[in-house]
Amino acid sequence: MGVNLRDLIVAREIKLKDINNKKIGIDAYNWTYQFLSTIRLRTGELLMDSNGNVTSHLIGIFNRTINLLKNGIKPVYVWDGKPPEFKRKTLEAREKVKLEAMKSFEGAKTDEERMKYAQQTSRLTKDMIDEANKLLELMGVPHVMAPSEGEAQAVYMTKKGDLWAVASQDWDSLLFGSRLLIRNLSISGKRKIPRTRIYKMINPEIINLDDNLNRLGITREQLIIIGMLIGTDYCSGVKGYGPKKSFALVKKEKTLDNVLKKVEWECNVSPHKIYDWFLNPTTTDDYALEWKEMDKEKLFKFLVDEHEFSQARVESQLSQISESSNNRQIGLGKFLK
């Protein structure tokens, strides 16, 4: 999902203590899809309570939010609203991939195969979002519904000074103009390398947009053009153009019109429409940010009574918020009875 700028952008590894007391806009859709993809049984099925309600996303959000709060970070979850019309074909293509993955999942012979395909089938429903927001409210954490793309809204909130940075695995926040982008905030810790028995530590990293633009000798507008050539959520890009080749062309030709004279734009979406969208996305001022005290009694009822989390584990996690403790991962099984 999103544009891949890894080969061009330089990031700096950080620790959670480095962003203590910072207000961070969370790309809520991005994070929640990660949780739905990775927090599963060995056979690939999502975790559920005895009533058949999916809890994978709640486990992920609870765990990560606790981890942020106990490190003094102030998260704000920003959800996607209605996607722009020209994103429709991308969404249709993704749905086709999910359907094919579901067929492969049902026909898989091993747990490894089932997990591989299951991770491509994740769907985020309105009920899941409502449950996630209820959890956040009980935890005293604000959430915002964007009119369109959540990343664009979060970036807008940073420009207003209401947030310090945006946290997402996608690079699109840079195209929308995020001064600071934090990656790996939702997946930090010891992680198993897929299809191996090897584990590695993943730490958060921060990307400073201005520093990278100065180092590359380009403007944000030119970074947008580079992203468009590589491929974004709105168009698959120009065939044969990766990060380095796109950078070289934009560095030479400077403007979108000049670049378009040198490439064959086959996407059915106007390049100027995509370019203008990154510069002027739909956002809103209709939000309020307030971090409140947790309602522990209702939180226990929601997690333990309604969704069958382990009360002992919930209590243990919450007790760490007021303590100076190490950032550690909690195994999935420990959350459940």
C-alpha atoms as a PDB file:
ATOM      1  CA  MET A   1       0.000   0.000   0.000  1.00  0.00           C
ATOM      2  CA  GLY A   2       1.183   3.466  -0.824  1.00  0.00           C
ATOM      3  CA  VAL A   3       4.330   4.637  -2.542  1.00  0.00           C
ATOM      4  CA  ASN A   4       7.699   3.017  -1.791  1.00  0.00           C
ATOM      5  CA  LEU A   5      10.375   5.643  -1.156  1.00  0.00           C
ATOM      6  CA  ARG A   6      12.691   3.412   0.856  1.00  0.00           C
ATOM      7  CA  ASP A   7      15.611   3.700  -1.587  1.00  0.00           C
ATOM      8  CA  LEU A   8      15.564   7.519  -1.487  1.00  0.00           C
ATOM      9  CA  ILE A   9      14.607   8.500   2.036  1.00  0.00           C
ATOM     10  CA  VAL A  10      16.942   8.448   5.031  1.00  0.00           C
ATOM     11  CA  ALA A  11      15.483   7.713   8.456  1.00  0.00           C
ATOM     12  CA  ARG A  12      16.968   7.956  11.932  1.00  0.00           C
ATOM     13  CA  GLU A  13      16.359   5.211  14.482  1.00  0.00           C
ATOM     14  CA  ILE A  14      14.852   6.405  17.752  1.00  0.00           C
ATOM     15  CA  LYS A  15      13.666   5.091  21.090  1.00  0.00           C
ATOM     16  CA  LEU A  16      10.216   5.656  22.521  1.00  0.00           C
ATOM     17  CA  LYS A  17      11.721   7.859  25.216  1.00  0.00           C
ATOM     18  CA  ASP A  18      12.844  10.243  22.462  1.00  0.00           C
ATOM     19  CA  ILE A  19       9.220  11.165  21.709  1.00  0.00           C
ATOM     20  CA  ASN A  20       8.032  11.391  25.299  1.00  0.00           C
ATOM     21  CA  ASN A  21       5.162  13.870  25.758  1.00  0.00           C
ATOM     22  CA  LYS A  22       4.714  14.247  21.986  1.00  0.00           C
ATOM     23  CA  LYS A  23       1.293  14.252  20.328  1.00  0.00           C
ATOM     24  CA  ILE A  24       1.406  11.677  17.562  1.00  0.00           C
ATOM     25  CA  GLY A  25      -1.224  11.207  14.854  1.00  0.00           C
ATOM     26  CA  ILE A  26      -1.753   7.489  14.275  1.00  0.00           C
ATOM     27  CA  ASP A  27      -2.730   6.277  10.798  1.00  0.00           C
ATOM     28  CA  ALA A  28      -5.525   4.185  12.312  1.00  0.00           C
ATOM     29  CA  TYR A  29      -6.468   2.216   9.199  1.00  0.00           C
ATOM     30  CA  ASN A  30      -2.834   1.375   8.498  1.00  0.00           C
ATOM     31  CA  TRP A  31      -2.220   0.151  12.034  1.00  0.00           C
ATOM     32  CA  THR A  32      -5.459  -1.777  12.349  1.00  0.00           C
ATOM     33  CA  TYR A  33      -4.911  -3.632   9.086  1.00  0.00           C
ATOM     34  CA  GLN A  34      -1.486  -4.632  10.404  1.00  0.00           C
ATOM     35  CA  PHE A  35      -3.092  -6.028  13.540  1.00  0.00           C
ATOM     36  CA  LEU A  36      -5.738  -7.900  11.560  1.00  0.00           C
ATOM     37  CA  SER A  37      -3.021  -9.298   9.321  1.00  0.00           C
ATOM     38  CA  THR A  38      -0.552 -10.424  11.979  1.00  0.00           C
ATOM     39  CA  ILE A  39      -2.540 -11.158  15.135  1.00  0.00           C
ATOM     40  CA  ARG A  40      -3.920 -14.549  14.150  1.00  0.00           C
ATOM     41  CA  LEU A  41      -3.883 -18.143  15.221  1.00  0.00           C
ATOM     42  CA  ARG A  42      -1.183 -20.375  13.737  1.00  0.00           C
ATOM     43  CA  THR A  43      -3.777 -21.725  11.320  1.00  0.00           C
ATOM     44  CA  GLY A  44      -4.475 -18.233   9.968  1.00  0.00           C
ATOM     45  CA  GLU A  45      -7.836 -17.558  11.591  1.00  0.00           C
ATOM     46  CA  LEU A  46      -8.475 -14.266  13.327  1.00  0.00           C
ATOM     47  CA  LEU A  47      -8.711 -14.247  17.115  1.00  0.00           C
ATOM     48  CA  MET A  48     -12.327 -14.095  18.308  1.00  0.00           C
ATOM     49  CA  ASP A  49     -14.305 -14.238  21.520  1.00  0.00           C
ATOM     50  CA  SER A  50     -16.823 -17.026  22.138  1.00  0.00           C
ATOM     51  CA  ASN A  51     -19.568 -14.981  20.454  1.00  0.00           C
ATOM     52  CA  GLY A  52     -17.642 -14.841  17.193  1.00  0.00           C
ATOM     53  CA  ASN A  53     -16.566 -11.199  17.537  1.00  0.00           C
ATOM     54  CA  VAL A  54     -13.116 -10.481  16.093  1.00  0.00           C
ATOM     55  CA  THR A  55     -10.666  -9.343  18.781  1.00  0.00           C
ATOM     56  CA  SER A  56      -7.364  -9.271  16.850  1.00  0.00           C
ATOM     57  CA  HIS A  57      -7.603  -5.524  16.235  1.00  0.00           C
ATOM     58  CA  LEU A  58      -8.613  -4.826  19.841  1.00  0.00           C
ATOM     59  CA  ILE A  59      -5.618  -6.774  21.138  1.00  0.00           C
ATOM     60  CA  GLY A  60      -3.314  -4.809  18.841  1.00  0.00           C
ATOM     61  CA  ILE A  61      -4.777  -1.411  19.657  1.00  0.00           C
ATOM     62  CA  PHE A  62      -4.881  -2.078  23.407  1.00  0.00           C
ATOM     63  CA  ASN A  63      -1.322  -3.402  23.506  1.00  0.00           C
ATOM     64  CA  ARG A  64       0.189  -0.642  21.367  1.00  0.00           C
ATOM     65  CA  THR A  65      -1.754   2.164  23.000  1.00  0.00           C
ATOM     66  CA  ILE A  66      -0.716   1.003  26.462  1.00  0.00           C
ATOM     67  CA  ASN A  67       2.881   0.886  25.251  1.00  0.00           C
ATOM     68  CA  LEU A  68       2.652   4.471  23.984  1.00  0.00           C
ATOM     69  CA  LEU A  69       0.907   5.808  27.065  1.00  0.00           C
ATOM     70  CA  LYS A  70       3.310   4.221  29.519  1.00  0.00           C
ATOM     71  CA  ASN A  71       6.151   5.892  27.613  1.00  0.00           C
ATOM     72  CA  GLY A  72       4.479   9.282  27.966  1.00  0.00           C
ATOM     73  CA  ILE A  73       3.350   9.535  24.330  1.00  0.00           C
ATOM     74  CA  LYS A  74      -0.023  11.095  23.472  1.00  0.00           C
ATOM     75  CA  PRO A  75      -1.574   9.206  20.546  1.00  0.00           C
ATOM     76  CA  VAL A  76      -4.459  10.369  18.371  1.00  0.00           C
ATOM     77  CA  TYR A  77      -6.028   7.751  16.113  1.00  0.00           C
ATOM     78  CA  VAL A  78      -7.080   9.223  12.758  1.00  0.00           C
ATOM     79  CA  TRP A  79      -9.414   7.082  10.634  1.00  0.00           C
ATOM     80  CA  ASP A  80     -10.021   7.191   6.889  1.00  0.00           C
ATOM     81  CA  GLY A  81     -13.297   8.629   5.709  1.00  0.00           C
ATOM     82  CA  LYS A  82     -14.647   8.416   2.159  1.00  0.00           C
ATOM     83  CA  PRO A  83     -11.862   7.722  -0.362  1.00  0.00           C
ATOM     84  CA  PRO A  84     -11.567   9.979  -3.394  1.00  0.00           C
ATOM     85  CA  GLU A  85     -13.474   8.673  -6.393  1.00  0.00           C
ATOM     86  CA  PHE A  86     -10.314   8.161  -8.427  1.00  0.00           C
ATOM     87  CA  LYS A  87      -9.130   5.599  -5.855  1.00  0.00           C
ATOM     88  CA  ARG A  88     -12.007   3.285  -6.779  1.00  0.00           C
ATOM     89  CA  LYS A  89     -10.079   1.091  -9.211  1.00  0.00           C
ATOM     90  CA  THR A  90      -7.298   0.593  -6.670  1.00  0.00           C
ATOM     91  CA  LEU A  91      -9.832  -0.525  -4.079  1.00  0.00           C
ATOM     92  CA  GLU A  92     -11.468  -2.857  -6.586  1.00  0.00           C
ATOM     93  CA  ALA A  93      -8.084  -4.377  -7.401  1.00  0.00           C
ATOM     94  CA  ARG A  94      -7.395  -4.921  -3.697  1.00  0.00           C
ATOM     95  CA  GLU A  95     -10.749  -6.620  -3.268  1.00  0.00           C
ATOM     96  CA  LYS A  96      -9.915  -8.965  -6.128  1.00  0.00           C
ATOM     97  CA  VAL A  97      -6.639  -9.870  -4.423  1.00  0.00           C
ATOM     98  CA  LYS A  98      -8.513 -10.606  -1.169  1.00  0.00           C
ATOM     99  CA  LEU A  99     -10.956 -12.899  -2.947  1.00  0.00           C
ATOM    100  CA  GLU A 100      -8.150 -14.811  -4.646  1.00  0.00           C
ATOM    101  CA  ALA A 101      -6.273 -15.057  -1.358  1.00  0.00           C
ATOM    102  CA  MET A 102      -9.390 -16.440   0.336  1.00  0.00           C
ATOM    103  CA  LYS A 103      -9.636 -19.204  -2.281  1.00  0.00           C
ATOM    104  CA  SER A 104      -5.972 -20.048  -1.749  1.00  0.00           C
ATOM    105  CA  PHE A 105      -6.452 -19.965   2.038  1.00  0.00           C
ATOM    106  CA  GLU A 106      -9.337 -22.430   1.857  1.00  0.00           C
ATOM    107  CA  GLY A 107      -7.274 -24.780  -0.296  1.00  0.00           C
ATOM    108  CA  ALA A 108      -4.045 -24.498   1.673  1.00  0.00           C
ATOM    109  CA  LYS A 109      -2.544 -27.740   2.986  1.00  0.00           C
ATOM    110  CA  THR A 110      -0.284 -26.448   5.766  1.00  0.00           C
ATOM    111  CA  ASP A 111      -0.553 -23.905   8.571  1.00  0.00           C
ATOM    112  CA  GLU A 112       2.253 -21.900   6.976  1.00  0.00           C
ATOM    113  CA  GLU A 113       0.358 -21.662   3.701  1.00  0.00           C
ATOM    114  CA  ARG A 114      -2.890 -20.813   5.489  1.00  0.00           C
ATOM    115  CA  MET A 115      -1.211 -18.005   7.409  1.00  0.00           C
ATOM    116  CA  LYS A 116       0.418 -16.661   4.253  1.00  0.00           C
ATOM    117  CA  TYR A 117      -2.887 -16.331   2.426  1.00  0.00           C
ATOM    118  CA  ALA A 118      -4.937 -15.381   5.474  1.00  0.00           C
ATOM    119  CA  GLN A 119      -2.842 -12.261   5.970  1.00  0.00           C
ATOM    120  CA  GLN A 120      -3.978 -11.045   2.543  1.00  0.00           C
ATOM    121  CA  THR A 121      -7.681 -11.398   3.339  1.00  0.00           C
ATOM    122  CA  SER A 122      -8.053  -8.827   6.124  1.00  0.00           C
ATOM    123  CA  ARG A 123     -11.148  -6.632   6.046  1.00  0.00           C
ATOM    124  CA  LEU A 124     -11.875  -3.739   8.372  1.00  0.00           C
ATOM    125  CA  THR A 125     -15.587  -3.306   9.026  1.00  0.00           C
ATOM    126  CA  LYS A 126     -17.596  -0.447  10.502  1.00  0.00           C
ATOM    127  CA  ASP A 127     -18.342  -2.588  13.557  1.00  0.00           C
ATOM    128  CA  MET A 128     -14.609  -3.130  14.095  1.00  0.00           C
ATOM    129  CA  ILE A 129     -13.958   0.606  13.887  1.00  0.00           C
ATOM    130  CA  ASP A 130     -16.805   1.321  16.303  1.00  0.00           C
ATOM    131  CA  GLU A 131     -15.411  -1.248  18.757  1.00  0.00           C
ATOM    132  CA  ALA A 132     -11.920   0.195  18.377  1.00  0.00           C
ATOM    133  CA  ASN A 133     -13.187   3.711  19.068  1.00  0.00           C
ATOM    134  CA  LYS A 134     -15.087   2.501  22.121  1.00  0.00           C
ATOM    135  CA  LEU A 135     -11.863   0.978  23.417  1.00  0.00           C
ATOM    136  CA  LEU A 136      -9.950   4.205  22.774  1.00  0.00           C
ATOM    137  CA  GLU A 137     -12.581   6.287  24.551  1.00  0.00           C
ATOM    138  CA  LEU A 138     -12.447   4.028  27.594  1.00  0.00           C
ATOM    139  CA  MET A 139      -8.662   4.416  27.535  1.00  0.00           C
ATOM    140  CA  GLY A 140      -9.004   8.203  27.386  1.00  0.00           C
ATOM    141  CA  VAL A 141      -7.424   8.469  23.934  1.00  0.00           C
ATOM    142  CA  PRO A 142      -8.910  10.786  21.272  1.00  0.00           C
ATOM    143  CA  HIS A 143      -9.833   9.632  17.789  1.00  0.00           C
ATOM    144  CA  VAL A 144     -10.703  11.600  14.653  1.00  0.00           C
ATOM    145  CA  MET A 145     -12.711  10.611  11.582  1.00  0.00           C
ATOM    146  CA  ALA A 146     -11.194  12.195   8.485  1.00  0.00           C
ATOM    147  CA  PRO A 147     -13.475  13.328   5.657  1.00  0.00           C
ATOM    148  CA  SER A 148     -11.250  11.378   3.254  1.00  0.00           C
ATOM    149  CA  GLU A 149      -7.693  10.022   3.650  1.00  0.00           C
ATOM    150  CA  GLY A 150      -6.621   9.632   7.271  1.00  0.00           C
ATOM    151  CA  GLU A 151      -2.973  10.349   6.505  1.00  0.00           C
ATOM    152  CA  ALA A 152      -3.880  13.641   4.842  1.00  0.00           C
ATOM    153  CA  GLN A 153      -5.959  14.641   7.867  1.00  0.00           C
ATOM    154  CA  ALA A 154      -3.196  13.737  10.306  1.00  0.00           C
ATOM    155  CA  VAL A 155      -0.682  15.740   8.275  1.00  0.00           C
ATOM    156  CA  TYR A 156      -3.061  18.713   8.262  1.00  0.00           C
ATOM    157  CA  MET A 157      -3.257  18.495  12.050  1.00  0.00           C
ATOM    158  CA  THR A 158       0.542  18.606  12.279  1.00  0.00           C
ATOM    159  CA  LYS A 159       0.589  21.700  10.087  1.00  0.00           C
ATOM    160  CA  LYS A 160      -1.850  23.357  12.472  1.00  0.00           C
ATOM    161  CA  GLY A 161       0.437  22.477  15.383  1.00  0.00           C
ATOM    162  CA  ASP A 162      -2.086  20.130  17.005  1.00  0.00           C
ATOM    163  CA  LEU A 163       0.167  17.113  16.405  1.00  0.00           C
ATOM    164  CA  TRP A 164       3.931  16.759  16.428  1.00  0.00           C
ATOM    165  CA  ALA A 165       4.275  13.935  13.913  1.00  0.00           C
ATOM    166  CA  VAL A 166       2.405  11.273  11.955  1.00  0.00           C
ATOM    167  CA  ALA A 167       2.928   7.551  12.621  1.00  0.00           C
ATOM    168  CA  SER A 168       2.361   5.214   9.674  1.00  0.00           C
ATOM    169  CA  GLN A 169       4.107   2.452   7.753  1.00  0.00           C
ATOM    170  CA  ASP A 170       3.091   4.121   4.482  1.00  0.00           C
ATOM    171  CA  TRP A 171       5.285   6.768   2.905  1.00  0.00           C
ATOM    172  CA  ASP A 172       2.339   8.761   1.535  1.00  0.00           C
ATOM    173  CA  SER A 173       2.406  11.068   4.560  1.00  0.00           C
ATOM    174  CA  LEU A 174       5.566  12.614   3.110  1.00  0.00           C
ATOM    175  CA  LEU A 175       3.787  13.363  -0.166  1.00  0.00           C
ATOM    176  CA  PHE A 176       0.977  14.984   1.812  1.00  0.00           C
ATOM    177  CA  GLY A 177       3.642  17.145   3.456  1.00  0.00           C
ATOM    178  CA  SER A 178       4.244  15.631   6.887  1.00  0.00           C
ATOM    179  CA  ARG A 179       7.261  17.397   8.404  1.00  0.00           C
ATOM    180  CA  LEU A 180       7.957  14.336  10.565  1.00  0.00           C
ATOM    181  CA  LEU A 181       6.986  10.732   9.829  1.00  0.00           C
ATOM    182  CA  ILE A 182       7.480   7.932  12.349  1.00  0.00           C
ATOM    183  CA  ARG A 183       7.652   4.376  11.026  1.00  0.00           C
ATOM    184  CA  ASN A 184       7.723   1.069  12.949  1.00  0.00           C
ATOM    185  CA  LEU A 185       5.917   2.578  15.925  1.00  0.00           C
ATOM    186  CA  SER A 186       3.254  -0.116  15.654  1.00  0.00           C
ATOM    187  CA  ILE A 187       5.642  -3.032  15.106  1.00  0.00           C
ATOM    188  CA  SER A 188       8.618  -2.200  17.311  1.00  0.00           C
ATOM    189  CA  GLY A 189      10.171  -5.019  19.315  1.00  0.00           C
ATOM    190  CA  LYS A 190      11.457  -8.487  18.515  1.00  0.00           C
ATOM    191  CA  ARG A 191       9.956  -9.775  15.288  1.00  0.00           C
ATOM    192  CA  LYS A 192      10.274 -13.080  13.465  1.00  0.00           C
ATOM    193  CA  ILE A 193      11.492 -12.858   9.885  1.00  0.00           C
ATOM    194  CA  PRO A 194       8.800 -14.496   7.713  1.00  0.00           C
ATOM    195  CA  ARG A 195       9.412 -18.131   6.745  1.00  0.00           C
ATOM    196  CA  THR A 196      12.491 -18.373   8.970  1.00  0.00           C
ATOM    197  CA  ARG A 197      13.279 -19.069  12.612  1.00  0.00           C
ATOM    198  CA  ILE A 198      15.302 -15.881  12.873  1.00  0.00           C
ATOM    199  CA  TYR A 199      14.201 -12.954  15.031  1.00  0.00           C
ATOM    200  CA  LYS A 200      15.379  -9.374  14.794  1.00  0.00           C
ATOM    201  CA  MET A 201      14.765  -6.188  16.734  1.00  0.00           C
ATOM    202  CA  ILE A 202      12.714  -3.529  14.997  1.00  0.00           C
ATOM    203  CA  ASN A 203      12.972  -0.030  16.428  1.00  0.00           C
ATOM    204  CA  PRO A 204      10.959   3.055  15.554  1.00  0.00           C
ATOM    205  CA  GLU A 205      12.513   5.420  13.042  1.00  0.00           C
ATOM    206  CA  ILE A 206      11.813   9.052  12.300  1.00  0.00           C
ATOM    207  CA  ILE A 207      11.981  10.765   8.926  1.00  0.00           C
ATOM    208  CA  ASN A 208      12.469  14.513   8.633  1.00  0.00           C
ATOM    209  CA  LEU A 209      10.954  15.648   5.348  1.00  0.00           C
ATOM    210  CA  ASP A 210      12.860  18.924   5.030  1.00  0.00           C
ATOM    211  CA  ASP A 211      16.204  17.261   5.761  1.00  0.00           C
ATOM    212  CA  ASN A 212      15.566  14.661   3.080  1.00  0.00           C
ATOM    213  CA  LEU A 213      14.423  17.211   0.509  1.00  0.00           C
ATOM    214  CA  ASN A 214      17.551  19.286   1.142  1.00  0.00           C
ATOM    215  CA  ARG A 215      19.783  16.218   0.888  1.00  0.00           C
ATOM    216  CA  LEU A 216      18.163  15.161  -2.388  1.00  0.00           C
ATOM    217  CA  GLY A 217      18.081  18.695  -3.744  1.00  0.00           C
ATOM    218  CA  ILE A 218      14.384  18.580  -4.632  1.00  0.00           C
ATOM    219  CA  THR A 219      11.124  20.189  -3.534  1.00  0.00           C
ATOM    220  CA  ARG A 220       8.112  18.493  -2.005  1.00  0.00           C
ATOM    221  CA  GLU A 221       6.306  18.995  -5.306  1.00  0.00           C
ATOM    222  CA  GLN A 222       9.056  17.080  -7.057  1.00  0.00           C
ATOM    223  CA  LEU A 223       8.864  14.336  -4.431  1.00  0.00           C
ATOM    224  CA  ILE A 224       5.184  14.001  -5.293  1.00  0.00           C
ATOM    225  CA  ILE A 225       6.068  13.543  -8.965  1.00  0.00           C
ATOM    226  CA  ILE A 226       8.640  10.901  -8.035  1.00  0.00           C
ATOM    227  CA  GLY A 227       5.988   9.103  -6.004  1.00  0.00           C
ATOM    228  CA  MET A 228       3.555   9.245  -8.900  1.00  0.00           C
ATOM    229  CA  LEU A 229       6.093   7.662 -11.242  1.00  0.00           C
ATOM    230  CA  ILE A 230       6.845   4.870  -8.760  1.00  0.00           C
ATOM    231  CA  GLY A 231       3.170   4.279  -8.006  1.00  0.00           C
ATOM    232  CA  THR A 232       0.718   5.434  -5.332  1.00  0.00           C
ATOM    233  CA  ASP A 233      -2.637   4.330  -3.949  1.00  0.00           C
ATOM    234  CA  TYR A 234      -4.251   6.141  -6.864  1.00  0.00           C
ATOM    235  CA  CYS A 235      -2.238   4.786  -9.783  1.00  0.00           C
ATOM    236  CA  SER A 236       0.271   1.985 -10.253  1.00  0.00           C
ATOM    237  CA  GLY A 237       2.789   4.439 -11.727  1.00  0.00           C
ATOM    238  CA  VAL A 238       4.836   4.293 -14.899  1.00  0.00           C
ATOM    239  CA  LYS A 239       6.166   0.932 -16.046  1.00  0.00           C
ATOM    240  CA  GLY A 240       9.905   0.563 -15.546  1.00  0.00           C
ATOM    241  CA  TYR A 241      10.257   3.469 -13.124  1.00  0.00           C
ATOM    242  CA  GLY A 242      11.507   2.683  -9.647  1.00  0.00           C
ATOM    243  CA  PRO A 243      12.759   5.161  -7.028  1.00  0.00           C
ATOM    244  CA  LYS A 244      16.211   5.831  -8.517  1.00  0.00           C
ATOM    245  CA  LYS A 245      15.116   6.153 -12.137  1.00  0.00           C
ATOM    246  CA  SER A 246      12.178   8.355 -11.129  1.00  0.00           C
ATOM    247  CA  PHE A 247      14.443  10.570  -9.045  1.00  0.00           C
ATOM    248  CA  ALA A 248      16.903  11.009 -11.921  1.00  0.00           C
ATOM    249  CA  LEU A 249      14.141  11.976 -14.341  1.00  0.00           C
ATOM    250  CA  VAL A 250      12.490  14.459 -11.992  1.00  0.00           C
ATOM    251  CA  LYS A 251      15.835  15.940 -11.027  1.00  0.00           C
ATOM    252  CA  LYS A 252      16.476  16.643 -14.710  1.00  0.00           C
ATOM    253  CA  GLU A 253      13.022  17.671 -15.918  1.00  0.00           C
ATOM    254  CA  LYS A 254      11.903  19.562 -12.778  1.00  0.00           C
ATOM    255  CA  THR A 255       8.136  19.878 -13.441  1.00  0.00           C
ATOM    256  CA  LEU A 256       5.220  17.489 -13.888  1.00  0.00           C
ATOM    257  CA  ASP A 257       4.482  18.716 -17.403  1.00  0.00           C
ATOM    258  CA  ASN A 258       8.084  18.225 -18.465  1.00  0.00           C
ATOM    259  CA  VAL A 259       8.198  14.749 -16.937  1.00  0.00           C
ATOM    260  CA  LEU A 260       4.971  13.720 -18.677  1.00  0.00           C
ATOM    261  CA  LYS A 261       6.568  14.508 -22.022  1.00  0.00           C
ATOM    262  CA  LYS A 262       9.210  11.850 -21.304  1.00  0.00           C
ATOM    263  CA  VAL A 263       7.022   8.986 -20.084  1.00  0.00           C
ATOM    264  CA  GLU A 264       3.925   7.096 -21.121  1.00  0.00           C
ATOM    265  CA  TRP A 265       1.222   7.728 -18.554  1.00  0.00           C
ATOM    266  CA  GLU A 266      -1.150   4.769 -18.876  1.00  0.00           C
ATOM    267  CA  CYS A 267      -3.212   5.253 -15.721  1.00  0.00           C
ATOM    268  CA  ASN A 268      -6.834   6.224 -16.301  1.00  0.00           C
ATOM    269  CA  VAL A 269      -6.572   8.877 -13.589  1.00  0.00           C
ATOM    270  CA  SER A 270      -5.272  12.268 -14.653  1.00  0.00           C
ATOM    271  CA  PRO A 271      -1.736  12.840 -13.321  1.00  0.00           C
ATOM    272  CA  HIS A 272      -2.651  16.448 -12.567  1.00  0.00           C
ATOM    273  CA  LYS A 273      -5.602  15.278 -10.452  1.00  0.00           C
ATOM    274  CA  ILE A 274      -3.335  13.041  -8.359  1.00  0.00           C
ATOM    275  CA  TYR A 275      -0.693  15.765  -8.093  1.00  0.00           C
ATOM    276  CA  ASP A 276      -3.254  18.358  -6.965  1.00  0.00           C
ATOM    277  CA  TRP A 277      -4.756  15.894  -4.479  1.00  0.00           C
ATOM    278  CA  PHE A 278      -1.459  15.459  -2.654  1.00  0.00           C
ATOM    279  CA  LEU A 279      -1.081  19.230  -2.498  1.00  0.00           C
ATOM    280  CA  ASN A 280      -4.683  19.997  -1.520  1.00  0.00           C
ATOM    281  CA  PRO A 281      -6.457  16.961  -0.021  1.00  0.00           C
ATOM    282  CA  THR A 282      -9.833  17.162   1.680  1.00  0.00           C
ATOM    283  CA  THR A 283      -9.438  17.776   5.426  1.00  0.00           C
ATOM    284  CA  THR A 284     -11.489  19.134   8.302  1.00  0.00           C
ATOM    285  CA  ASP A 285     -11.195  21.315  11.406  1.00  0.00           C
ATOM    286  CA  ASP A 286     -14.102  19.461  13.016  1.00  0.00           C
ATOM    287  CA  TYR A 287     -12.248  17.602  15.749  1.00  0.00           C
ATOM    288  CA  ALA A 288     -11.288  17.988  19.393  1.00  0.00           C
ATOM    289  CA  LEU A 289      -8.220  16.542  21.079  1.00  0.00           C
ATOM    290  CA  GLU A 290      -8.482  15.701  24.746  1.00  0.00           C
ATOM    291  CA  TRP A 291      -6.674  12.978  26.672  1.00  0.00           C
ATOM    292  CA  LYS A 292      -8.718  11.803  29.638  1.00  0.00           C
ATOM    293  CA  GLU A 293      -8.376   9.488  32.586  1.00  0.00           C
ATOM    294  CA  MET A 294      -9.104   5.841  31.816  1.00  0.00           C
ATOM    295  CA  ASP A 295     -12.440   4.483  32.937  1.00  0.00           C
ATOM    296  CA  LYS A 296     -10.921   1.303  34.315  1.00  0.00           C
ATOM    297  CA  GLU A 297     -14.184  -0.195  35.523  1.00  0.00           C
ATOM    298  CA  LYS A 298     -15.832   0.072  32.111  1.00  0.00           C
ATOM    299  CA  LEU A 299     -12.587  -0.876  30.381  1.00  0.00           C
ATOM    300  CA  PHE A 300     -12.425  -4.129  32.356  1.00  0.00           C
ATOM    301  CA  LYS A 301     -16.063  -4.831  31.547  1.00  0.00           C
ATOM    302  CA  PHE A 302     -15.499  -4.183  27.837  1.00  0.00           C
ATOM    303  CA  LEU A 303     -12.321  -6.225  27.512  1.00  0.00           C
ATOM    304  CA  VAL A 304     -12.790  -8.937  30.113  1.00  0.00           C
ATOM    305  CA  ASP A 305     -16.562  -9.486  30.341  1.00  0.00           C
ATOM    306  CA  GLU A 306     -17.530  -8.706  26.750  1.00  0.00           C
ATOM    307  CA  HIS A 307     -14.463  -9.862  24.812  1.00  0.00           C
ATOM    308  CA  GLU A 308     -12.892 -12.378  27.202  1.00  0.00           C
ATOM    309  CA  PHE A 309      -9.474 -10.817  27.690  1.00  0.00           C
ATOM    310  CA  SER A 310      -7.581 -12.006  30.750  1.00  0.00           C
ATOM    311  CA  GLN A 311      -8.391  -9.658  33.616  1.00  0.00           C
ATOM    312  CA  ALA A 312      -5.024 -10.344  35.225  1.00  0.00           C
ATOM    313  CA  ARG A 313      -3.225  -9.373  32.035  1.00  0.00           C
ATOM    314  CA  VAL A 314      -5.324  -6.243  31.541  1.00  0.00           C
ATOM    315  CA  GLU A 315      -4.670  -5.183  35.132  1.00  0.00           C
ATOM    316  CA  SER A 316      -0.974  -5.888  34.725  1.00  0.00           C
ATOM    317  CA  GLN A 317      -0.763  -3.805  31.567  1.00  0.00           C
ATOM    318  CA  LEU A 318      -2.637  -0.862  33.029  1.00  0.00           C
ATOM    319  CA  SER A 319      -0.515  -0.846  36.160  1.00  0.00           C
ATOM    320  CA  GLN A 320       2.565  -0.197  34.042  1.00  0.00           C
ATOM    321  CA  ILE A 321       1.343   3.169  32.768  1.00  0.00           C
ATOM    322  CA  SER A 322       2.257   4.933  35.988  1.00  0.00           C
ATOM    323  CA  GLU A 323       5.513   3.034  36.372  1.00  0.00           C
ATOM    324  CA  SER A 324       8.899   3.418  34.761  1.00  0.00           C
ATOM    325  CA  SER A 325       9.178   0.099  32.968  1.00  0.00           C
ATOM    326  CA  ASN A 326      10.815  -1.428  29.956  1.00  0.00           C
ATOM    327  CA  ASN A 327       8.946  -1.526  26.668  1.00  0.00           C
ATOM    328  CA  ARG A 328       8.111  -5.169  26.180  1.00  0.00           C
ATOM    329  CA  GLN A 329       5.897  -7.299  23.984  1.00  0.00           C
ATOM    330  CA  ILE A 330       3.028  -9.337  25.370  1.00  0.00           C
ATOM    331  CA  GLY A 331       2.354 -12.741  23.828  1.00  0.00           C
ATOM    332  CA  LEU A 332      -1.075 -13.186  22.229  1.00  0.00           C
ATOM    333  CA  GLY A 333      -2.067 -16.093  24.393  1.00  0.00           C
ATOM    334  CA  LYS A 334      -1.584 -14.093  27.581  1.00  0.00           C
ATOM    335  CA  PHE A 335      -4.384 -11.712  26.570  1.00  0.00           C
ATOM    336  CA  LEU A 336      -6.954 -14.463  26.408  1.00  0.00           C
ATOM    337  CA  LYS A 337      -8.485 -16.748  28.967  1.00  0.00           C
END
